[in-house]
Amino acid sequence: MKSDEYRKAIGAKVRIARRARGISVERFALMVGIDRNYLRDIEYGRANPTVDVMVKISNGLATPVWELMNPTKDSRS
């Protein structure tokens, strides 16, 4: 898998998990302490988040970071 495909897969998992919890981009970004535009870029695979940022996101979603970063595991299961 190419790195841009991997970023898009991770971003999609974040977006699906956030939406499943009924949290807006703006509210979630505020909850985890990152800029909302940066969160959007992560969700659409345009940004390459650091491990620290992924930990903030995973904590905010109450989902293990490894689950969000595993492109072969469906986050809806």
PDB file of N, CA and C in Angstrom:
ATOM      1  N   MET A   1       0.848  -1.165   0.000  1.00  0.00           N
ATOM      2  CA  MET A   1       0.000   0.000   0.000  1.00  0.00           C
ATOM      3  C   MET A   1       0.902   1.239   0.000  1.00  0.00           C
ATOM      4  N   LYS A   2       0.598   2.189  -0.854  1.00  0.00           N
ATOM      5  CA  LYS A   2       1.358   3.440  -0.921  1.00  0.00           C
ATOM      6  C   LYS A   2       1.015   4.318   0.282  1.00  0.00           C
ATOM      7  N   SER A   3       1.928   5.211   0.623  1.00  0.00           N
ATOM      8  CA  SER A   3       1.719   6.036   1.817  1.00  0.00           C
ATOM      9  C   SER A   3       0.475   6.917   1.709  1.00  0.00           C
ATOM     10  N   ASP A   4       0.171   7.445   0.518  1.00  0.00           N
ATOM     11  CA  ASP A   4      -1.035   8.268   0.401  1.00  0.00           C
ATOM     12  C   ASP A   4      -2.295   7.426   0.565  1.00  0.00           C
ATOM     13  N   GLU A   5      -2.280   6.186   0.105  1.00  0.00           N
ATOM     14  CA  GLU A   5      -3.416   5.282   0.301  1.00  0.00           C
ATOM     15  C   GLU A   5      -3.578   4.939   1.776  1.00  0.00           C
ATOM     16  N   TYR A   6      -2.460   4.751   2.446  1.00  0.00           N
ATOM     17  CA  TYR A   6      -2.464   4.439   3.872  1.00  0.00           C
ATOM     18  C   TYR A   6      -3.046   5.613   4.661  1.00  0.00           C
ATOM     19  N   ARG A   7      -2.620   6.853   4.350  1.00  0.00           N
ATOM     20  CA  ARG A   7      -3.158   8.042   5.018  1.00  0.00           C
ATOM     21  C   ARG A   7      -4.653   8.166   4.805  1.00  0.00           C
ATOM     22  N   LYS A   8      -5.112   7.887   3.590  1.00  0.00           N
ATOM     23  CA  LYS A   8      -6.548   7.971   3.297  1.00  0.00           C
ATOM     24  C   LYS A   8      -7.330   6.910   4.075  1.00  0.00           C
ATOM     25  N   ALA A   9      -6.777   5.705   4.188  1.00  0.00           N
ATOM     26  CA  ALA A   9      -7.445   4.633   4.931  1.00  0.00           C
ATOM     27  C   ALA A   9      -7.532   4.984   6.417  1.00  0.00           C
ATOM     28  N   ILE A  10      -6.455   5.501   6.976  1.00  0.00           N
ATOM     29  CA  ILE A  10      -6.452   5.907   8.385  1.00  0.00           C
ATOM     30  C   ILE A  10      -7.450   7.047   8.596  1.00  0.00           C
ATOM     31  N   GLY A  11      -7.410   8.030   7.722  1.00  0.00           N
ATOM     32  CA  GLY A  11      -8.323   9.168   7.835  1.00  0.00           C
ATOM     33  C   GLY A  11      -9.776   8.747   7.761  1.00  0.00           C
ATOM     34  N   ALA A  12     -10.073   7.815   6.862  1.00  0.00           N
ATOM     35  CA  ALA A  12     -11.447   7.325   6.742  1.00  0.00           C
ATOM     36  C   ALA A  12     -11.886   6.634   8.023  1.00  0.00           C
ATOM     37  N   LYS A  13     -10.997   5.881   8.658  1.00  0.00           N
ATOM     38  CA  LYS A  13     -11.337   5.215   9.918  1.00  0.00           C
ATOM     39  C   LYS A  13     -11.616   6.235  11.007  1.00  0.00           C
ATOM     40  N   VAL A  14     -10.817   7.282  11.058  1.00  0.00           N
ATOM     41  CA  VAL A  14     -11.038   8.344  12.047  1.00  0.00           C
ATOM     42  C   VAL A  14     -12.395   8.997  11.799  1.00  0.00           C
ATOM     43  N   ARG A  15     -12.676   9.346  10.558  1.00  0.00           N
ATOM     44  CA  ARG A  15     -13.931  10.011  10.194  1.00  0.00           C
ATOM     45  C   ARG A  15     -15.136   9.130  10.528  1.00  0.00           C
ATOM     46  N   ILE A  16     -15.061   7.844  10.177  1.00  0.00           N
ATOM     47  CA  ILE A  16     -16.161   6.915  10.456  1.00  0.00           C
ATOM     48  C   ILE A  16     -16.400   6.797  11.960  1.00  0.00           C
ATOM     49  N   ALA A  17     -15.317   6.666  12.719  1.00  0.00           N
ATOM     50  CA  ALA A  17     -15.443   6.518  14.178  1.00  0.00           C
ATOM     51  C   ALA A  17     -16.008   7.792  14.805  1.00  0.00           C
ATOM     52  N   ARG A  18     -15.552   8.949  14.337  1.00  0.00           N
ATOM     53  CA  ARG A  18     -16.057  10.220  14.873  1.00  0.00           C
ATOM     54  C   ARG A  18     -17.533  10.389  14.569  1.00  0.00           C
ATOM     55  N   ARG A  19     -17.909  10.144  13.323  1.00  0.00           N
ATOM     56  CA  ARG A  19     -19.317  10.276  12.933  1.00  0.00           C
ATOM     57  C   ARG A  19     -20.208   9.271  13.660  1.00  0.00           C
ATOM     58  N   ALA A  20     -19.701   8.069  13.886  1.00  0.00           N
ATOM     59  CA  ALA A  20     -20.484   7.044  14.597  1.00  0.00           C
ATOM     60  C   ALA A  20     -20.816   7.502  16.014  1.00  0.00           C
ATOM     61  N   ARG A  21     -19.998   8.373  16.556  1.00  0.00           N
ATOM     62  CA  ARG A  21     -20.229   8.897  17.902  1.00  0.00           C
ATOM     63  C   ARG A  21     -21.035  10.196  17.876  1.00  0.00           C
ATOM     64  N   GLY A  22     -21.364  10.646  16.674  1.00  0.00           N
ATOM     65  CA  GLY A  22     -22.183  11.850  16.529  1.00  0.00           C
ATOM     66  C   GLY A  22     -21.477  13.132  16.920  1.00  0.00           C
ATOM     67  N   ILE A  23     -20.168  13.183  16.699  1.00  0.00           N
ATOM     68  CA  ILE A  23     -19.378  14.350  17.087  1.00  0.00           C
ATOM     69  C   ILE A  23     -18.970  15.117  15.831  1.00  0.00           C
ATOM     70  N   SER A  24     -19.194  16.425  15.843  1.00  0.00           N
ATOM     71  CA  SER A  24     -18.797  17.253  14.700  1.00  0.00           C
ATOM     72  C   SER A  24     -17.278  17.402  14.655  1.00  0.00           C
ATOM     73  N   VAL A  25     -16.770  17.775  13.489  1.00  0.00           N
ATOM     74  CA  VAL A  25     -15.343  18.022  13.330  1.00  0.00           C
ATOM     75  C   VAL A  25     -14.898  19.105  14.309  1.00  0.00           C
ATOM     76  N   GLU A  26     -15.660  20.180  14.380  1.00  0.00           N
ATOM     77  CA  GLU A  26     -15.300  21.299  15.240  1.00  0.00           C
ATOM     78  C   GLU A  26     -15.230  20.875  16.704  1.00  0.00           C
ATOM     79  N   ARG A  27     -16.240  20.166  17.170  1.00  0.00           N
ATOM     80  CA  ARG A  27     -16.286  19.739  18.565  1.00  0.00           C
ATOM     81  C   ARG A  27     -15.168  18.746  18.872  1.00  0.00           C
ATOM     82  N   PHE A  28     -14.958  17.787  17.973  1.00  0.00           N
ATOM     83  CA  PHE A  28     -13.928  16.785  18.219  1.00  0.00           C
ATOM     84  C   PHE A  28     -12.535  17.412  18.234  1.00  0.00           C
ATOM     85  N   ALA A  29     -12.272  18.313  17.311  1.00  0.00           N
ATOM     86  CA  ALA A  29     -10.970  18.990  17.275  1.00  0.00           C
ATOM     87  C   ALA A  29     -10.728  19.727  18.587  1.00  0.00           C
ATOM     88  N   LEU A  30     -11.744  20.390  19.099  1.00  0.00           N
ATOM     89  CA  LEU A  30     -11.636  21.090  20.371  1.00  0.00           C
ATOM     90  C   LEU A  30     -11.392  20.095  21.514  1.00  0.00           C
ATOM     91  N   MET A  31     -12.108  18.970  21.489  1.00  0.00           N
ATOM     92  CA  MET A  31     -11.954  17.938  22.526  1.00  0.00           C
ATOM     93  C   MET A  31     -10.530  17.410  22.612  1.00  0.00           C
ATOM     94  N   VAL A  32      -9.915  17.174  21.458  1.00  0.00           N
ATOM     95  CA  VAL A  32      -8.592  16.541  21.450  1.00  0.00           C
ATOM     96  C   VAL A  32      -7.442  17.544  21.337  1.00  0.00           C
ATOM     97  N   GLY A  33      -7.762  18.813  21.151  1.00  0.00           N
ATOM     98  CA  GLY A  33      -6.730  19.840  21.144  1.00  0.00           C
ATOM     99  C   GLY A  33      -5.947  19.981  19.860  1.00  0.00           C
ATOM    100  N   ILE A  34      -6.634  19.797  18.724  1.00  0.00           N
ATOM    101  CA  ILE A  34      -5.984  20.055  17.433  1.00  0.00           C
ATOM    102  C   ILE A  34      -6.870  20.983  16.606  1.00  0.00           C
ATOM    103  N   ASP A  35      -6.290  21.628  15.626  1.00  0.00           N
ATOM    104  CA  ASP A  35      -7.023  22.542  14.762  1.00  0.00           C
ATOM    105  C   ASP A  35      -8.030  21.772  13.907  1.00  0.00           C
ATOM    106  N   ARG A  36      -9.225  22.330  13.744  1.00  0.00           N
ATOM    107  CA  ARG A  36     -10.274  21.627  12.984  1.00  0.00           C
ATOM    108  C   ARG A  36      -9.886  21.406  11.527  1.00  0.00           C
ATOM    109  N   ASN A  37      -9.153  22.352  10.935  1.00  0.00           N
ATOM    110  CA  ASN A  37      -8.722  22.167   9.550  1.00  0.00           C
ATOM    111  C   ASN A  37      -7.690  21.051   9.442  1.00  0.00           C
ATOM    112  N   TYR A  38      -6.842  20.943  10.452  1.00  0.00           N
ATOM    113  CA  TYR A  38      -5.866  19.852  10.481  1.00  0.00           C
ATOM    114  C   TYR A  38      -6.595  18.508  10.610  1.00  0.00           C
ATOM    115  N   LEU A  39      -7.623  18.464  11.462  1.00  0.00           N
ATOM    116  CA  LEU A  39      -8.420  17.237  11.591  1.00  0.00           C
ATOM    117  C   LEU A  39      -9.073  16.871  10.263  1.00  0.00           C
ATOM    118  N   ARG A  40      -9.618  17.837   9.576  1.00  0.00           N
ATOM    119  CA  ARG A  40     -10.209  17.562   8.254  1.00  0.00           C
ATOM    120  C   ARG A  40      -9.161  17.009   7.293  1.00  0.00           C
ATOM    121  N   ASP A  41      -7.976  17.611   7.318  1.00  0.00           N
ATOM    122  CA  ASP A  41      -6.903  17.126   6.446  1.00  0.00           C
ATOM    123  C   ASP A  41      -6.521  15.685   6.800  1.00  0.00           C
ATOM    124  N   ILE A  42      -6.505  15.357   8.074  1.00  0.00           N
ATOM    125  CA  ILE A  42      -6.215  13.978   8.488  1.00  0.00           C
ATOM    126  C   ILE A  42      -7.314  13.051   7.974  1.00  0.00           C
ATOM    127  N   GLU A  43      -8.564  13.437   8.172  1.00  0.00           N
ATOM    128  CA  GLU A  43      -9.687  12.584   7.776  1.00  0.00           C
ATOM    129  C   GLU A  43      -9.744  12.333   6.270  1.00  0.00           C
ATOM    130  N   TYR A  44      -9.226  13.244   5.490  1.00  0.00           N
ATOM    131  CA  TYR A  44      -9.255  13.068   4.036  1.00  0.00           C
ATOM    132  C   TYR A  44      -7.896  12.672   3.458  1.00  0.00           C
ATOM    133  N   GLY A  45      -6.976  12.274   4.335  1.00  0.00           N
ATOM    134  CA  GLY A  45      -5.694  11.753   3.879  1.00  0.00           C
ATOM    135  C   GLY A  45      -4.741  12.782   3.323  1.00  0.00           C
ATOM    136  N   ARG A  46      -4.984  14.041   3.623  1.00  0.00           N
ATOM    137  CA  ARG A  46      -4.110  15.101   3.114  1.00  0.00           C
ATOM    138  C   ARG A  46      -2.995  15.451   4.088  1.00  0.00           C
ATOM    139  N   ALA A  47      -3.088  14.977   5.320  1.00  0.00           N
ATOM    140  CA  ALA A  47      -2.071  15.275   6.335  1.00  0.00           C
ATOM    141  C   ALA A  47      -1.435  13.976   6.805  1.00  0.00           C
ATOM    142  N   ASN A  48      -0.234  14.112   7.318  1.00  0.00           N
ATOM    143  CA  ASN A  48       0.516  12.972   7.833  1.00  0.00           C
ATOM    144  C   ASN A  48       0.712  13.215   9.340  1.00  0.00           C
ATOM    145  N   PRO A  49      -0.277  12.804  10.154  1.00  0.00           N
ATOM    146  CA  PRO A  49      -0.221  13.122  11.581  1.00  0.00           C
ATOM    147  C   PRO A  49       0.901  12.387  12.311  1.00  0.00           C
ATOM    148  N   THR A  50       1.402  13.034  13.342  1.00  0.00           N
ATOM    149  CA  THR A  50       2.421  12.402  14.178  1.00  0.00           C
ATOM    150  C   THR A  50       1.766  11.343  15.072  1.00  0.00           C
ATOM    151  N   VAL A  51       2.592  10.547  15.693  1.00  0.00           N
ATOM    152  CA  VAL A  51       2.090   9.554  16.649  1.00  0.00           C
ATOM    153  C   VAL A  51       1.367  10.268  17.784  1.00  0.00           C
ATOM    154  N   ASP A  52       1.921  11.377  18.261  1.00  0.00           N
ATOM    155  CA  ASP A  52       1.282  12.127  19.345  1.00  0.00           C
ATOM    156  C   ASP A  52      -0.135  12.562  18.973  1.00  0.00           C
ATOM    157  N   VAL A  53      -0.320  13.034  17.760  1.00  0.00           N
ATOM    158  CA  VAL A  53      -1.649  13.452  17.309  1.00  0.00           C
ATOM    159  C   VAL A  53      -2.572  12.244  17.195  1.00  0.00           C
ATOM    160  N   MET A  54      -2.076  11.142  16.685  1.00  0.00           N
ATOM    161  CA  MET A  54      -2.904   9.933  16.583  1.00  0.00           C
ATOM    162  C   MET A  54      -3.305   9.424  17.972  1.00  0.00           C
ATOM    163  N   VAL A  55      -2.435   9.574  18.952  1.00  0.00           N
ATOM    164  CA  VAL A  55      -2.785   9.178  20.322  1.00  0.00           C
ATOM    165  C   VAL A  55      -3.897  10.076  20.858  1.00  0.00           C
ATOM    166  N   LYS A  56      -3.817  11.385  20.601  1.00  0.00           N
ATOM    167  CA  LYS A  56      -4.885  12.300  21.023  1.00  0.00           C
ATOM    168  C   LYS A  56      -6.214  11.891  20.390  1.00  0.00           C
ATOM    169  N   ILE A  57      -6.180  11.595  19.102  1.00  0.00           N
ATOM    170  CA  ILE A  57      -7.397  11.201  18.385  1.00  0.00           C
ATOM    171  C   ILE A  57      -7.934   9.884  18.928  1.00  0.00           C
ATOM    172  N   SER A  58      -7.059   8.914  19.120  1.00  0.00           N
ATOM    173  CA  SER A  58      -7.518   7.609  19.614  1.00  0.00           C
ATOM    174  C   SER A  58      -8.090   7.724  21.023  1.00  0.00           C
ATOM    175  N   ASN A  59      -7.479   8.549  21.869  1.00  0.00           N
ATOM    176  CA  ASN A  59      -8.028   8.762  23.209  1.00  0.00           C
ATOM    177  C   ASN A  59      -9.395   9.421  23.138  1.00  0.00           C
ATOM    178  N   GLY A  60      -9.538  10.409  22.249  1.00  0.00           N
ATOM    179  CA  GLY A  60     -10.819  11.085  22.081  1.00  0.00           C
ATOM    180  C   GLY A  60     -11.917  10.166  21.573  1.00  0.00           C
ATOM    181  N   LEU A  61     -11.537   9.165  20.807  1.00  0.00           N
ATOM    182  CA  LEU A  61     -12.505   8.205  20.266  1.00  0.00           C
ATOM    183  C   LEU A  61     -12.633   6.958  21.140  1.00  0.00           C
ATOM    184  N   ALA A  62     -11.827   6.880  22.195  1.00  0.00           N
ATOM    185  CA  ALA A  62     -11.787   5.695  23.065  1.00  0.00           C
ATOM    186  C   ALA A  62     -11.568   4.436  22.220  1.00  0.00           C
ATOM    187  N   THR A  63     -10.626   4.547  21.293  1.00  0.00           N
ATOM    188  CA  THR A  63     -10.282   3.470  20.375  1.00  0.00           C
ATOM    189  C   THR A  63      -8.766   3.316  20.389  1.00  0.00           C
ATOM    190  N   PRO A  64      -8.265   2.096  20.492  1.00  0.00           N
ATOM    191  CA  PRO A  64      -6.806   1.932  20.484  1.00  0.00           C
ATOM    192  C   PRO A  64      -6.179   2.512  19.212  1.00  0.00           C
ATOM    193  N   VAL A  65      -5.039   3.164  19.374  1.00  0.00           N
ATOM    194  CA  VAL A  65      -4.367   3.793  18.240  1.00  0.00           C
ATOM    195  C   VAL A  65      -4.029   2.765  17.168  1.00  0.00           C
ATOM    196  N   TRP A  66      -3.665   1.560  17.589  1.00  0.00           N
ATOM    197  CA  TRP A  66      -3.318   0.531  16.599  1.00  0.00           C
ATOM    198  C   TRP A  66      -4.519   0.159  15.739  1.00  0.00           C
ATOM    199  N   GLU A  67      -5.727   0.258  16.297  1.00  0.00           N
ATOM    200  CA  GLU A  67      -6.918  -0.068  15.517  1.00  0.00           C
ATOM    201  C   GLU A  67      -7.167   0.985  14.431  1.00  0.00           C
ATOM    202  N   LEU A  68      -6.948   2.246  14.777  1.00  0.00           N
ATOM    203  CA  LEU A  68      -7.123   3.317  13.784  1.00  0.00           C
ATOM    204  C   LEU A  68      -6.067   3.242  12.691  1.00  0.00           C
ATOM    205  N   MET A  69      -4.884   2.756  13.043  1.00  0.00           N
ATOM    206  CA  MET A  69      -3.785   2.751  12.086  1.00  0.00           C
ATOM    207  C   MET A  69      -3.635   1.440  11.326  1.00  0.00           C
ATOM    208  N   ASN A  70      -4.561   0.518  11.531  1.00  0.00           N
ATOM    209  CA  ASN A  70      -4.535  -0.756  10.813  1.00  0.00           C
ATOM    210  C   ASN A  70      -5.480  -0.655   9.610  1.00  0.00           C
ATOM    211  N   PRO A  71      -4.950  -0.467   8.415  1.00  0.00           N
ATOM    212  CA  PRO A  71      -5.824  -0.258   7.254  1.00  0.00           C
ATOM    213  C   PRO A  71      -6.646  -1.481   6.851  1.00  0.00           C
ATOM    214  N   THR A  72      -6.324  -2.640   7.384  1.00  0.00           N
ATOM    215  CA  THR A  72      -7.067  -3.841   6.988  1.00  0.00           C
ATOM    216  C   THR A  72      -8.202  -4.170   7.943  1.00  0.00           C
ATOM    217  N   LYS A  73      -8.260  -3.504   9.111  1.00  0.00           N
ATOM    218  CA  LYS A  73      -9.316  -3.766  10.089  1.00  0.00           C
ATOM    219  C   LYS A  73     -10.392  -2.698   9.957  1.00  0.00           C
ATOM    220  N   ASP A  74     -11.623  -3.132   9.736  1.00  0.00           N
ATOM    221  CA  ASP A  74     -12.752  -2.236   9.590  1.00  0.00           C
ATOM    222  C   ASP A  74     -13.111  -1.602  10.927  1.00  0.00           C
ATOM    223  N   SER A  75     -13.102  -0.279  11.022  1.00  0.00           N
ATOM    224  CA  SER A  75     -13.362   0.407  12.290  1.00  0.00           C
ATOM    225  C   SER A  75     -14.824   0.345  12.702  1.00  0.00           C
ATOM    226  N   ARG A  76     -15.705  -0.090  11.817  1.00  0.00           N
ATOM    227  CA  ARG A  76     -17.116  -0.180  12.168  1.00  0.00           C
ATOM    228  C   ARG A  76     -17.471  -1.464  12.880  1.00  0.00           C
ATOM    229  N   SER A  77     -16.534  -2.409  12.950  1.00  0.00           N
ATOM    230  CA  SER A  77     -16.828  -3.691  13.587  1.00  0.00           C
ATOM    231  C   SER A  77     -16.646  -3.634  15.078  1.00  0.00           C
TER     232      SER A  77
END
